[in-house]
Amino acid sequence: MKLKKGILIVLEGIDGTGKTTQAELLADALREEAYTVSRFHEPSQSPWGREIRKKAVSENALTPEEELELFQKDRRDNVKRNIRPALERREVVVLDRYYFSTIAYQGSKGIDPERILRANLEFVVLPDLVFILDLDPKAGLKRTEDRKTRDLLFEREDYLNLVRGLFQRFEGDNIVHLDAGISIDRIHHQIREKALGYLKNWVISGVSIPPSSGP
């Protein structure tokens, strides 16, 4: 399926909402509809992204400013190396977390959300669709109990309540808030239908050439 431009679809929400699962399901569903899809996540595999994951297993391993700096450097690299090139190829990019997470998570640690937004707008590609999955932090933490490693920098109920509050404040024509407490299949159906409905407006229609009638 050829598109008039690359399309960036972002999935957001607190830990345990099922963003990664939904990103995978969406990417697979779009490929089944013949779209060319690239799926990325943040933190990425850059040196800064690896440093974030390394430090996240220890509570208070980084100050909020240090977290912000690492996330910004990682995102700059991800946009330059992965996201923008895929969009220039007119692909659909499905992204698990973006600058909305930085605003919500680091904003909940005392950094001005407007400052974070301004800093990101200097270099990011604006998303076409943003799905924000909403879930009570207690339920989200219950879902992440069995993970091999816990992100102690970010996975605390009192803190996640603040993060959730900031996520709930995002609004715009391209932002869709979804209840992450319902079944995986129902959430996927809602995301899939909304995404396909949006994408059809950007599909390059084929030109029908009538067969030659001959001499």
N, C-alpha and C. Protein backbone atom coordinates (compact mmCIF):
# COMPACT_ATOMS: atom_id res chain seq x y z
N MET A 1 0.86 -1.19 0.00
CA MET A 1 0.00 0.00 0.00
C MET A 1 0.89 1.24 0.00
N LYS A 2 0.76 2.08 -1.01
CA LYS A 2 1.58 3.29 -1.10
C LYS A 2 0.87 4.47 -0.47
N LEU A 3 1.64 5.25 0.27
CA LEU A 3 1.10 6.41 0.98
C LEU A 3 1.63 7.71 0.41
N LYS A 4 0.85 8.77 0.58
CA LYS A 4 1.27 10.09 0.13
C LYS A 4 2.40 10.62 0.99
N LYS A 5 2.47 10.15 2.24
CA LYS A 5 3.52 10.57 3.17
C LYS A 5 3.67 9.50 4.23
N GLY A 6 4.78 9.54 4.95
CA GLY A 6 4.95 8.63 6.08
C GLY A 6 4.01 9.00 7.21
N ILE A 7 3.56 8.01 7.95
CA ILE A 7 2.61 8.23 9.04
C ILE A 7 3.22 7.72 10.35
N LEU A 8 3.21 8.58 11.36
CA LEU A 8 3.76 8.23 12.67
C LEU A 8 2.62 8.00 13.67
N ILE A 9 2.55 6.78 14.19
CA ILE A 9 1.54 6.40 15.18
C ILE A 9 2.25 6.05 16.48
N VAL A 10 1.85 6.71 17.57
CA VAL A 10 2.52 6.56 18.87
C VAL A 10 1.57 5.92 19.88
N LEU A 11 2.10 5.02 20.68
CA LEU A 11 1.35 4.44 21.80
C LEU A 11 2.00 4.87 23.10
N GLU A 12 1.17 5.38 24.03
CA GLU A 12 1.65 5.94 25.27
C GLU A 12 0.85 5.42 26.46
N GLY A 13 1.36 5.69 27.65
CA GLY A 13 0.68 5.31 28.88
C GLY A 13 1.67 4.91 29.94
N ILE A 14 1.19 4.74 31.17
CA ILE A 14 2.07 4.35 32.26
C ILE A 14 2.49 2.89 32.09
N ASP A 15 3.44 2.45 32.90
CA ASP A 15 3.89 1.07 32.87
C ASP A 15 2.75 0.12 33.19
N GLY A 16 2.66 -0.96 32.42
CA GLY A 16 1.64 -1.98 32.68
C GLY A 16 0.37 -1.81 31.88
N THR A 17 0.29 -0.80 31.04
CA THR A 17 -0.94 -0.58 30.26
C THR A 17 -1.02 -1.46 29.02
N GLY A 18 0.08 -2.11 28.65
CA GLY A 18 0.06 -2.98 27.48
C GLY A 18 0.45 -2.31 26.19
N LYS A 19 1.21 -1.22 26.29
CA LYS A 19 1.62 -0.48 25.08
C LYS A 19 2.40 -1.34 24.10
N THR A 20 3.37 -2.08 24.62
CA THR A 20 4.23 -2.88 23.73
C THR A 20 3.42 -3.96 23.03
N THR A 21 2.53 -4.62 23.76
CA THR A 21 1.66 -5.62 23.14
C THR A 21 0.81 -5.01 22.05
N GLN A 22 0.23 -3.85 22.33
CA GLN A 22 -0.63 -3.20 21.34
C GLN A 22 0.16 -2.69 20.15
N ALA A 23 1.39 -2.24 20.38
CA ALA A 23 2.24 -1.81 19.26
C ALA A 23 2.54 -2.98 18.33
N GLU A 24 2.83 -4.13 18.92
CA GLU A 24 3.11 -5.32 18.12
C GLU A 24 1.87 -5.75 17.33
N LEU A 25 0.72 -5.78 17.99
CA LEU A 25 -0.52 -6.19 17.33
C LEU A 25 -0.89 -5.23 16.20
N LEU A 26 -0.71 -3.93 16.44
CA LEU A 26 -1.03 -2.94 15.41
C LEU A 26 -0.12 -3.09 14.21
N ALA A 27 1.18 -3.22 14.46
CA ALA A 27 2.13 -3.37 13.36
C ALA A 27 1.79 -4.60 12.52
N ASP A 28 1.47 -5.71 13.17
CA ASP A 28 1.12 -6.94 12.44
C ASP A 28 -0.17 -6.75 11.64
N ALA A 29 -1.15 -6.08 12.24
CA ALA A 29 -2.42 -5.87 11.56
C ALA A 29 -2.25 -4.98 10.33
N LEU A 30 -1.43 -3.96 10.43
CA LEU A 30 -1.21 -3.06 9.30
C LEU A 30 -0.45 -3.77 8.18
N ARG A 31 0.49 -4.63 8.55
CA ARG A 31 1.20 -5.40 7.52
C ARG A 31 0.25 -6.33 6.78
N GLU A 32 -0.72 -6.88 7.51
CA GLU A 32 -1.71 -7.75 6.87
C GLU A 32 -2.56 -6.97 5.87
N GLU A 33 -2.66 -5.67 6.07
CA GLU A 33 -3.41 -4.81 5.14
C GLU A 33 -2.50 -4.24 4.05
N ALA A 34 -1.30 -4.77 3.95
CA ALA A 34 -0.33 -4.43 2.90
C ALA A 34 0.38 -3.10 3.10
N TYR A 35 0.37 -2.57 4.32
CA TYR A 35 1.15 -1.37 4.62
C TYR A 35 2.58 -1.79 4.96
N THR A 36 3.54 -0.94 4.60
CA THR A 36 4.92 -1.14 5.02
C THR A 36 5.10 -0.49 6.38
N VAL A 37 5.51 -1.27 7.38
CA VAL A 37 5.53 -0.80 8.76
C VAL A 37 6.92 -0.97 9.37
N SER A 38 7.38 0.05 10.08
CA SER A 38 8.56 -0.04 10.93
C SER A 38 8.12 0.21 12.36
N ARG A 39 8.57 -0.63 13.29
CA ARG A 39 8.19 -0.47 14.70
C ARG A 39 9.43 -0.16 15.52
N PHE A 40 9.36 0.92 16.30
CA PHE A 40 10.46 1.33 17.17
C PHE A 40 9.94 1.55 18.58
N HIS A 41 10.87 1.71 19.52
CA HIS A 41 10.47 1.96 20.90
C HIS A 41 11.47 2.90 21.54
N GLU A 42 11.04 3.50 22.64
CA GLU A 42 11.91 4.33 23.46
C GLU A 42 11.86 3.85 24.91
N PRO A 43 13.00 3.79 25.59
CA PRO A 43 14.35 4.08 25.08
C PRO A 43 14.73 3.14 23.94
N SER A 44 15.58 3.65 23.05
CA SER A 44 16.02 2.85 21.91
C SER A 44 17.27 2.04 22.29
N GLN A 45 17.95 1.50 21.29
CA GLN A 45 19.16 0.73 21.54
C GLN A 45 20.43 1.60 21.44
N SER A 46 20.26 2.90 21.47
CA SER A 46 21.42 3.80 21.43
C SER A 46 22.20 3.69 22.75
N PRO A 47 23.41 4.22 22.80
CA PRO A 47 24.17 4.21 24.07
C PRO A 47 23.40 4.87 25.21
N TRP A 48 22.65 5.94 24.90
CA TRP A 48 21.89 6.64 25.93
C TRP A 48 20.69 5.81 26.38
N GLY A 49 20.06 5.12 25.43
CA GLY A 49 18.95 4.26 25.79
C GLY A 49 19.39 3.10 26.66
N ARG A 50 20.53 2.52 26.33
CA ARG A 50 21.06 1.42 27.15
C ARG A 50 21.43 1.90 28.54
N GLU A 51 21.94 3.13 28.64
CA GLU A 51 22.28 3.69 29.95
C GLU A 51 21.02 3.89 30.80
N ILE A 52 19.93 4.33 30.17
CA ILE A 52 18.67 4.50 30.90
C ILE A 52 18.21 3.17 31.47
N ARG A 53 18.21 2.12 30.65
CA ARG A 53 17.75 0.82 31.13
C ARG A 53 18.67 0.27 32.22
N LYS A 54 19.96 0.52 32.10
CA LYS A 54 20.92 0.06 33.11
C LYS A 54 20.65 0.74 34.45
N LYS A 55 20.40 2.04 34.43
CA LYS A 55 20.21 2.80 35.66
C LYS A 55 18.82 2.59 36.27
N ALA A 56 17.84 2.20 35.43
CA ALA A 56 16.45 2.12 35.88
C ALA A 56 16.21 1.06 36.94
N VAL A 57 17.11 0.11 37.07
CA VAL A 57 16.91 -0.97 38.05
C VAL A 57 17.26 -0.52 39.46
N SER A 58 17.80 0.67 39.61
CA SER A 58 18.16 1.19 40.94
C SER A 58 17.40 2.48 41.21
N GLU A 59 16.70 2.52 42.32
CA GLU A 59 15.94 3.71 42.68
C GLU A 59 16.89 4.88 42.94
N ASN A 60 16.56 6.05 42.44
CA ASN A 60 17.34 7.27 42.61
C ASN A 60 18.74 7.19 42.02
N ALA A 61 18.92 6.34 41.02
CA ALA A 61 20.23 6.23 40.36
C ALA A 61 20.55 7.46 39.53
N LEU A 62 19.50 8.18 39.10
CA LEU A 62 19.67 9.38 38.30
C LEU A 62 18.82 10.50 38.87
N THR A 63 19.29 11.72 38.76
CA THR A 63 18.46 12.86 39.11
C THR A 63 17.47 13.08 37.97
N PRO A 64 16.37 13.80 38.20
CA PRO A 64 15.43 14.10 37.12
C PRO A 64 16.09 14.77 35.92
N GLU A 65 17.03 15.68 36.18
CA GLU A 65 17.72 16.36 35.08
C GLU A 65 18.59 15.39 34.29
N GLU A 66 19.23 14.46 34.99
CA GLU A 66 20.04 13.46 34.29
C GLU A 66 19.17 12.54 33.45
N GLU A 67 18.01 12.15 34.00
CA GLU A 67 17.06 11.34 33.22
C GLU A 67 16.66 12.08 31.95
N LEU A 68 16.29 13.35 32.11
CA LEU A 68 15.83 14.15 30.97
C LEU A 68 16.91 14.24 29.91
N GLU A 69 18.14 14.49 30.33
CA GLU A 69 19.23 14.60 29.36
C GLU A 69 19.42 13.31 28.57
N LEU A 70 19.37 12.16 29.26
CA LEU A 70 19.55 10.89 28.58
C LEU A 70 18.41 10.61 27.61
N PHE A 71 17.18 10.87 28.05
CA PHE A 71 16.03 10.63 27.17
C PHE A 71 16.08 11.53 25.94
N GLN A 72 16.49 12.78 26.12
CA GLN A 72 16.56 13.70 24.99
C GLN A 72 17.62 13.26 23.98
N LYS A 73 18.78 12.85 24.49
CA LYS A 73 19.84 12.40 23.59
C LYS A 73 19.43 11.12 22.86
N ASP A 74 18.79 10.22 23.57
CA ASP A 74 18.32 8.99 22.96
C ASP A 74 17.27 9.27 21.89
N ARG A 75 16.36 10.19 22.19
CA ARG A 75 15.29 10.50 21.22
C ARG A 75 15.85 11.20 19.99
N ARG A 76 16.77 12.12 20.17
CA ARG A 76 17.39 12.76 19.01
C ARG A 76 17.99 11.73 18.06
N ASP A 77 18.69 10.75 18.65
CA ASP A 77 19.30 9.71 17.85
C ASP A 77 18.24 8.84 17.17
N ASN A 78 17.20 8.49 17.90
CA ASN A 78 16.13 7.65 17.36
C ASN A 78 15.41 8.34 16.21
N VAL A 79 15.14 9.62 16.36
CA VAL A 79 14.48 10.38 15.30
C VAL A 79 15.36 10.45 14.06
N LYS A 80 16.64 10.75 14.27
CA LYS A 80 17.56 10.91 13.14
C LYS A 80 17.87 9.59 12.45
N ARG A 81 18.08 8.55 13.25
CA ARG A 81 18.58 7.28 12.70
C ARG A 81 17.46 6.34 12.26
N ASN A 82 16.31 6.41 12.92
CA ASN A 82 15.24 5.44 12.65
C ASN A 82 13.94 6.06 12.15
N ILE A 83 13.39 6.98 12.93
CA ILE A 83 12.04 7.45 12.66
C ILE A 83 11.95 8.27 11.38
N ARG A 84 12.78 9.31 11.28
CA ARG A 84 12.69 10.17 10.10
C ARG A 84 12.99 9.43 8.80
N PRO A 85 14.04 8.59 8.74
CA PRO A 85 14.27 7.85 7.49
C PRO A 85 13.10 6.96 7.08
N ALA A 86 12.46 6.29 8.05
CA ALA A 86 11.31 5.44 7.73
C ALA A 86 10.15 6.28 7.21
N LEU A 87 9.94 7.43 7.80
CA LEU A 87 8.86 8.31 7.32
C LEU A 87 9.17 8.85 5.93
N GLU A 88 10.43 9.15 5.67
CA GLU A 88 10.81 9.63 4.34
C GLU A 88 10.62 8.56 3.28
N ARG A 89 10.64 7.28 3.70
CA ARG A 89 10.33 6.18 2.78
C ARG A 89 8.83 5.96 2.66
N ARG A 90 8.04 6.81 3.31
CA ARG A 90 6.58 6.76 3.30
C ARG A 90 6.04 5.48 3.94
N GLU A 91 6.68 5.08 4.99
CA GLU A 91 6.23 3.93 5.76
C GLU A 91 5.31 4.39 6.89
N VAL A 92 4.63 3.42 7.49
CA VAL A 92 3.92 3.67 8.74
C VAL A 92 4.89 3.32 9.87
N VAL A 93 5.13 4.26 10.75
CA VAL A 93 5.99 4.02 11.91
C VAL A 93 5.11 3.86 13.14
N VAL A 94 5.25 2.72 13.81
CA VAL A 94 4.55 2.48 15.07
C VAL A 94 5.58 2.61 16.18
N LEU A 95 5.35 3.56 17.07
CA LEU A 95 6.35 3.91 18.08
C LEU A 95 5.81 3.69 19.49
N ASP A 96 6.52 2.87 20.25
CA ASP A 96 6.18 2.57 21.64
C ASP A 96 6.90 3.58 22.54
N ARG A 97 6.18 4.61 22.97
CA ARG A 97 6.64 5.76 23.76
C ARG A 97 7.30 6.82 22.88
N TYR A 98 7.10 8.09 23.33
CA TYR A 98 7.68 9.23 22.62
C TYR A 98 7.81 10.36 23.62
N TYR A 99 7.82 11.59 23.17
CA TYR A 99 8.09 12.70 24.08
C TYR A 99 6.95 12.93 25.08
N PHE A 100 5.77 12.39 24.82
CA PHE A 100 4.68 12.50 25.79
C PHE A 100 5.08 11.82 27.11
N SER A 101 5.78 10.70 26.99
CA SER A 101 6.25 10.00 28.19
C SER A 101 7.24 10.84 28.98
N THR A 102 8.14 11.52 28.28
CA THR A 102 9.12 12.36 28.97
C THR A 102 8.41 13.50 29.70
N ILE A 103 7.43 14.11 29.06
CA ILE A 103 6.67 15.18 29.70
C ILE A 103 5.97 14.66 30.95
N ALA A 104 5.36 13.46 30.83
CA ALA A 104 4.60 12.91 31.96
C ALA A 104 5.51 12.41 33.08
N TYR A 105 6.54 11.65 32.73
CA TYR A 105 7.40 11.04 33.76
C TYR A 105 8.35 12.05 34.40
N GLN A 106 9.08 12.78 33.59
CA GLN A 106 10.02 13.76 34.17
C GLN A 106 9.26 15.00 34.66
N GLY A 107 8.14 15.30 34.04
CA GLY A 107 7.30 16.40 34.53
C GLY A 107 6.77 16.11 35.93
N SER A 108 6.53 14.83 36.22
CA SER A 108 6.04 14.44 37.54
C SER A 108 7.14 14.45 38.59
N LYS A 109 8.39 14.66 38.15
CA LYS A 109 9.51 14.76 39.08
C LYS A 109 9.97 16.20 39.27
N GLY A 110 9.12 17.13 38.84
CA GLY A 110 9.39 18.53 39.14
C GLY A 110 9.92 19.39 38.01
N ILE A 111 10.20 18.78 36.84
CA ILE A 111 10.67 19.58 35.70
C ILE A 111 9.46 20.14 34.97
N ASP A 112 9.52 21.40 34.60
CA ASP A 112 8.41 22.07 33.94
C ASP A 112 8.01 21.34 32.66
N PRO A 113 6.77 20.82 32.56
CA PRO A 113 6.33 20.13 31.35
C PRO A 113 6.43 20.98 30.09
N GLU A 114 6.18 22.28 30.22
CA GLU A 114 6.27 23.17 29.06
C GLU A 114 7.70 23.27 28.57
N ARG A 115 8.63 23.29 29.49
CA ARG A 115 10.06 23.31 29.12
C ARG A 115 10.43 22.04 28.35
N ILE A 116 9.95 20.89 28.84
CA ILE A 116 10.24 19.62 28.15
C ILE A 116 9.63 19.63 26.76
N LEU A 117 8.41 20.11 26.64
CA LEU A 117 7.75 20.16 25.33
C LEU A 117 8.52 21.04 24.36
N ARG A 118 8.90 22.23 24.81
CA ARG A 118 9.64 23.15 23.93
C ARG A 118 10.95 22.53 23.45
N ALA A 119 11.66 21.86 24.35
CA ALA A 119 12.94 21.25 23.99
C ALA A 119 12.74 20.16 22.94
N ASN A 120 11.65 19.40 23.05
CA ASN A 120 11.39 18.33 22.09
C ASN A 120 10.93 18.86 20.74
N LEU A 121 10.16 19.92 20.75
CA LEU A 121 9.65 20.46 19.49
C LEU A 121 10.76 21.02 18.60
N GLU A 122 11.96 21.16 19.16
CA GLU A 122 13.09 21.63 18.36
C GLU A 122 13.57 20.57 17.36
N PHE A 123 13.25 19.29 17.62
CA PHE A 123 13.82 18.26 16.75
C PHE A 123 12.92 17.07 16.42
N VAL A 124 11.80 16.91 17.13
CA VAL A 124 10.98 15.73 16.89
C VAL A 124 10.15 15.86 15.61
N VAL A 125 9.68 14.72 15.13
CA VAL A 125 8.65 14.68 14.10
C VAL A 125 7.32 14.59 14.83
N LEU A 126 6.38 15.46 14.52
CA LEU A 126 5.10 15.43 15.20
C LEU A 126 4.31 14.20 14.77
N PRO A 127 3.66 13.52 15.71
CA PRO A 127 2.93 12.30 15.37
C PRO A 127 1.60 12.60 14.69
N ASP A 128 1.15 11.65 13.88
CA ASP A 128 -0.15 11.78 13.22
C ASP A 128 -1.27 11.28 14.12
N LEU A 129 -1.00 10.21 14.85
CA LEU A 129 -1.97 9.64 15.79
C LEU A 129 -1.26 9.27 17.08
N VAL A 130 -1.91 9.54 18.20
CA VAL A 130 -1.36 9.16 19.51
C VAL A 130 -2.44 8.43 20.28
N PHE A 131 -2.17 7.20 20.68
CA PHE A 131 -3.07 6.44 21.52
C PHE A 131 -2.50 6.42 22.93
N ILE A 132 -3.26 6.96 23.89
CA ILE A 132 -2.82 6.98 25.29
C ILE A 132 -3.65 5.97 26.06
N LEU A 133 -3.01 4.91 26.52
CA LEU A 133 -3.70 3.85 27.25
C LEU A 133 -3.74 4.22 28.73
N ASP A 134 -4.93 4.24 29.29
CA ASP A 134 -5.12 4.69 30.67
C ASP A 134 -5.45 3.52 31.59
N LEU A 135 -4.77 3.47 32.73
CA LEU A 135 -4.98 2.38 33.69
C LEU A 135 -4.61 2.86 35.08
N ASP A 136 -5.33 2.37 36.08
CA ASP A 136 -4.98 2.68 37.46
C ASP A 136 -3.58 2.13 37.76
N PRO A 137 -2.70 2.92 38.36
CA PRO A 137 -1.33 2.47 38.62
C PRO A 137 -1.25 1.17 39.42
N LYS A 138 -2.17 0.97 40.37
CA LYS A 138 -2.14 -0.27 41.15
C LYS A 138 -2.31 -1.47 40.23
N ALA A 139 -3.21 -1.38 39.27
CA ALA A 139 -3.43 -2.47 38.32
C ALA A 139 -2.22 -2.62 37.39
N GLY A 140 -1.63 -1.49 36.99
CA GLY A 140 -0.46 -1.54 36.12
C GLY A 140 0.72 -2.22 36.79
N LEU A 141 0.95 -1.89 38.06
CA LEU A 141 2.06 -2.51 38.79
C LEU A 141 1.81 -4.00 39.03
N LYS A 142 0.55 -4.37 39.21
CA LYS A 142 0.22 -5.78 39.37
C LYS A 142 0.61 -6.56 38.11
N ARG A 143 0.39 -5.93 36.95
CA ARG A 143 0.71 -6.59 35.68
C ARG A 143 2.23 -6.75 35.49
N THR A 144 3.01 -5.86 36.09
CA THR A 144 4.46 -5.89 35.87
C THR A 144 5.21 -6.66 36.95
N GLU A 145 4.48 -7.28 37.88
CA GLU A 145 5.13 -7.98 39.01
C GLU A 145 6.09 -9.07 38.55
N ASP A 146 5.74 -9.74 37.47
CA ASP A 146 6.52 -10.91 37.05
C ASP A 146 7.66 -10.58 36.11
N ARG A 147 7.88 -9.31 35.83
CA ARG A 147 9.01 -8.96 34.97
C ARG A 147 10.32 -9.33 35.65
N LYS A 148 11.29 -9.75 34.84
CA LYS A 148 12.58 -10.15 35.39
C LYS A 148 13.29 -8.98 36.06
N THR A 149 13.12 -7.78 35.49
CA THR A 149 13.73 -6.59 36.09
C THR A 149 12.65 -5.53 36.28
N ARG A 150 12.70 -4.84 37.39
CA ARG A 150 11.74 -3.78 37.69
C ARG A 150 12.42 -2.44 37.50
N ASP A 151 11.70 -1.49 36.90
CA ASP A 151 12.22 -0.14 36.72
C ASP A 151 11.94 0.66 38.00
N LEU A 152 12.86 0.56 38.94
CA LEU A 152 12.64 1.20 40.24
C LEU A 152 12.67 2.72 40.14
N LEU A 153 13.27 3.25 39.06
CA LEU A 153 13.24 4.69 38.87
C LEU A 153 11.83 5.19 38.62
N PHE A 154 10.98 4.32 38.02
CA PHE A 154 9.69 4.79 37.52
C PHE A 154 8.48 4.03 38.06
N GLU A 155 8.65 2.79 38.52
CA GLU A 155 7.51 1.96 38.88
C GLU A 155 7.20 2.04 40.37
N ARG A 156 6.59 3.17 40.80
CA ARG A 156 6.12 3.35 42.17
C ARG A 156 4.72 3.95 42.09
N GLU A 157 3.81 3.42 42.89
CA GLU A 157 2.39 3.77 42.74
C GLU A 157 2.13 5.27 42.92
N ASP A 158 2.71 5.87 43.97
CA ASP A 158 2.45 7.28 44.20
C ASP A 158 2.95 8.14 43.05
N TYR A 159 4.11 7.77 42.54
CA TYR A 159 4.69 8.50 41.41
C TYR A 159 3.86 8.30 40.15
N LEU A 160 3.44 7.06 39.90
CA LEU A 160 2.67 6.77 38.69
C LEU A 160 1.30 7.43 38.69
N ASN A 161 0.76 7.71 39.88
CA ASN A 161 -0.49 8.47 39.94
C ASN A 161 -0.30 9.88 39.36
N LEU A 162 0.85 10.48 39.66
CA LEU A 162 1.16 11.80 39.10
C LEU A 162 1.36 11.71 37.59
N VAL A 163 2.09 10.68 37.18
CA VAL A 163 2.35 10.48 35.75
C VAL A 163 1.03 10.30 35.00
N ARG A 164 0.16 9.46 35.55
CA ARG A 164 -1.14 9.23 34.91
C ARG A 164 -1.92 10.53 34.77
N GLY A 165 -1.85 11.37 35.79
CA GLY A 165 -2.57 12.64 35.73
C GLY A 165 -2.09 13.51 34.59
N LEU A 166 -0.79 13.54 34.34
CA LEU A 166 -0.26 14.32 33.22
C LEU A 166 -0.66 13.71 31.88
N PHE A 167 -0.62 12.38 31.77
CA PHE A 167 -1.07 11.74 30.54
C PHE A 167 -2.52 12.11 30.24
N GLN A 168 -3.34 12.16 31.27
CA GLN A 168 -4.77 12.45 31.08
C GLN A 168 -5.01 13.88 30.60
N ARG A 169 -4.04 14.75 30.77
CA ARG A 169 -4.19 16.16 30.37
C ARG A 169 -3.88 16.39 28.89
N PHE A 170 -3.24 15.43 28.24
CA PHE A 170 -2.95 15.61 26.82
C PHE A 170 -4.24 15.60 26.02
N GLU A 171 -4.37 16.55 25.11
CA GLU A 171 -5.57 16.58 24.28
C GLU A 171 -5.22 17.13 22.90
N GLY A 172 -6.05 16.81 21.94
CA GLY A 172 -5.84 17.26 20.56
C GLY A 172 -6.62 16.36 19.62
N ASP A 173 -6.80 16.83 18.39
CA ASP A 173 -7.57 16.06 17.42
C ASP A 173 -6.93 14.72 17.10
N ASN A 174 -5.61 14.64 17.28
CA ASN A 174 -4.90 13.40 16.93
C ASN A 174 -4.62 12.51 18.14
N ILE A 175 -5.16 12.87 19.30
CA ILE A 175 -4.90 12.12 20.53
C ILE A 175 -6.15 11.36 20.95
N VAL A 176 -5.98 10.06 21.16
CA VAL A 176 -7.09 9.18 21.53
C VAL A 176 -6.79 8.53 22.88
N HIS A 177 -7.64 8.77 23.86
CA HIS A 177 -7.48 8.15 25.17
C HIS A 177 -8.31 6.86 25.22
N LEU A 178 -7.70 5.76 25.67
CA LEU A 178 -8.37 4.47 25.70
C LEU A 178 -8.27 3.84 27.08
N ASP A 179 -9.31 3.12 27.46
CA ASP A 179 -9.32 2.39 28.72
C ASP A 179 -8.50 1.12 28.57
N ALA A 180 -7.37 1.05 29.27
CA ALA A 180 -6.50 -0.12 29.18
C ALA A 180 -6.93 -1.24 30.13
N GLY A 181 -8.05 -1.06 30.80
CA GLY A 181 -8.53 -2.08 31.72
C GLY A 181 -9.37 -3.14 31.04
N ILE A 182 -9.76 -2.91 29.80
CA ILE A 182 -10.55 -3.89 29.06
C ILE A 182 -9.63 -4.91 28.42
N SER A 183 -10.20 -5.87 27.70
CA SER A 183 -9.39 -6.97 27.16
C SER A 183 -8.42 -6.48 26.08
N ILE A 184 -7.34 -7.24 25.91
CA ILE A 184 -6.35 -6.93 24.87
C ILE A 184 -7.01 -6.87 23.50
N ASP A 185 -7.89 -7.82 23.21
CA ASP A 185 -8.54 -7.87 21.90
C ASP A 185 -9.41 -6.65 21.65
N ARG A 186 -10.14 -6.20 22.67
CA ARG A 186 -11.00 -5.02 22.50
C ARG A 186 -10.18 -3.75 22.29
N ILE A 187 -9.10 -3.62 23.04
CA ILE A 187 -8.23 -2.45 22.85
C ILE A 187 -7.64 -2.48 21.44
N HIS A 188 -7.16 -3.64 21.02
CA HIS A 188 -6.58 -3.78 19.68
C HIS A 188 -7.60 -3.41 18.61
N HIS A 189 -8.82 -3.86 18.77
CA HIS A 189 -9.86 -3.55 17.78
C HIS A 189 -10.06 -2.04 17.66
N GLN A 190 -10.11 -1.35 18.81
CA GLN A 190 -10.30 0.10 18.80
C GLN A 190 -9.13 0.80 18.11
N ILE A 191 -7.92 0.39 18.44
CA ILE A 191 -6.73 1.01 17.85
C ILE A 191 -6.67 0.71 16.36
N ARG A 192 -6.89 -0.54 15.99
CA ARG A 192 -6.83 -0.95 14.59
C ARG A 192 -7.82 -0.18 13.73
N GLU A 193 -9.06 -0.08 14.19
CA GLU A 193 -10.09 0.60 13.40
C GLU A 193 -9.78 2.08 13.23
N LYS A 194 -9.32 2.70 14.30
CA LYS A 194 -8.98 4.13 14.23
C LYS A 194 -7.80 4.35 13.30
N ALA A 195 -6.79 3.50 13.40
CA ALA A 195 -5.59 3.64 12.57
C ALA A 195 -5.91 3.41 11.09
N LEU A 196 -6.67 2.36 10.80
CA LEU A 196 -7.01 2.08 9.40
C LEU A 196 -7.89 3.18 8.81
N GLY A 197 -8.79 3.71 9.63
CA GLY A 197 -9.63 4.80 9.16
C GLY A 197 -8.82 6.05 8.82
N TYR A 198 -7.78 6.29 9.62
CA TYR A 198 -6.92 7.44 9.34
C TYR A 198 -6.05 7.19 8.11
N LEU A 199 -5.48 6.01 8.03
CA LEU A 199 -4.54 5.71 6.94
C LEU A 199 -5.19 5.74 5.57
N LYS A 200 -6.44 5.37 5.48
CA LYS A 200 -7.08 5.32 4.16
C LYS A 200 -7.13 6.70 3.50
N ASN A 201 -7.04 7.75 4.31
CA ASN A 201 -7.03 9.11 3.75
C ASN A 201 -5.71 9.46 3.09
N TRP A 202 -4.68 8.63 3.35
CA TRP A 202 -3.34 8.93 2.84
C TRP A 202 -2.87 7.91 1.80
N VAL A 203 -3.73 6.99 1.44
CA VAL A 203 -3.37 5.99 0.44
C VAL A 203 -3.40 6.61 -0.95
N ILE A 204 -2.37 6.33 -1.74
CA ILE A 204 -2.35 6.79 -3.13
C ILE A 204 -3.24 5.85 -3.94
N SER A 205 -4.31 6.41 -4.48
CA SER A 205 -5.25 5.59 -5.24
C SER A 205 -4.63 5.15 -6.56
N GLY A 206 -4.86 3.92 -6.92
CA GLY A 206 -4.34 3.41 -8.19
C GLY A 206 -5.08 4.02 -9.37
N VAL A 207 -4.38 4.15 -10.48
CA VAL A 207 -4.99 4.68 -11.69
C VAL A 207 -5.42 3.52 -12.56
N SER A 208 -6.70 3.48 -12.86
CA SER A 208 -7.23 2.39 -13.67
C SER A 208 -7.04 2.70 -15.16
N ILE A 209 -6.34 1.82 -15.86
CA ILE A 209 -6.08 2.01 -17.29
C ILE A 209 -6.95 1.03 -18.08
N PRO A 210 -7.88 1.52 -18.89
CA PRO A 210 -8.76 0.63 -19.65
C PRO A 210 -7.98 -0.19 -20.66
N PRO A 211 -8.39 -1.44 -20.87
CA PRO A 211 -7.66 -2.27 -21.84
C PRO A 211 -7.81 -1.73 -23.25
N SER A 212 -6.78 -1.95 -24.06
CA SER A 212 -6.81 -1.49 -25.45
C SER A 212 -7.84 -2.30 -26.24
N SER A 213 -8.60 -1.61 -27.08
CA SER A 213 -9.61 -2.28 -27.90
C SER A 213 -9.01 -2.86 -29.16
N GLY A 214 -7.71 -2.54 -29.43
CA GLY A 214 -7.04 -3.08 -30.61
C GLY A 214 -7.42 -2.32 -31.86
N PRO A 215 -6.78 -2.60 -32.94
CA PRO A 215 -7.05 -1.90 -34.19
C PRO A 215 -8.43 -2.26 -34.77
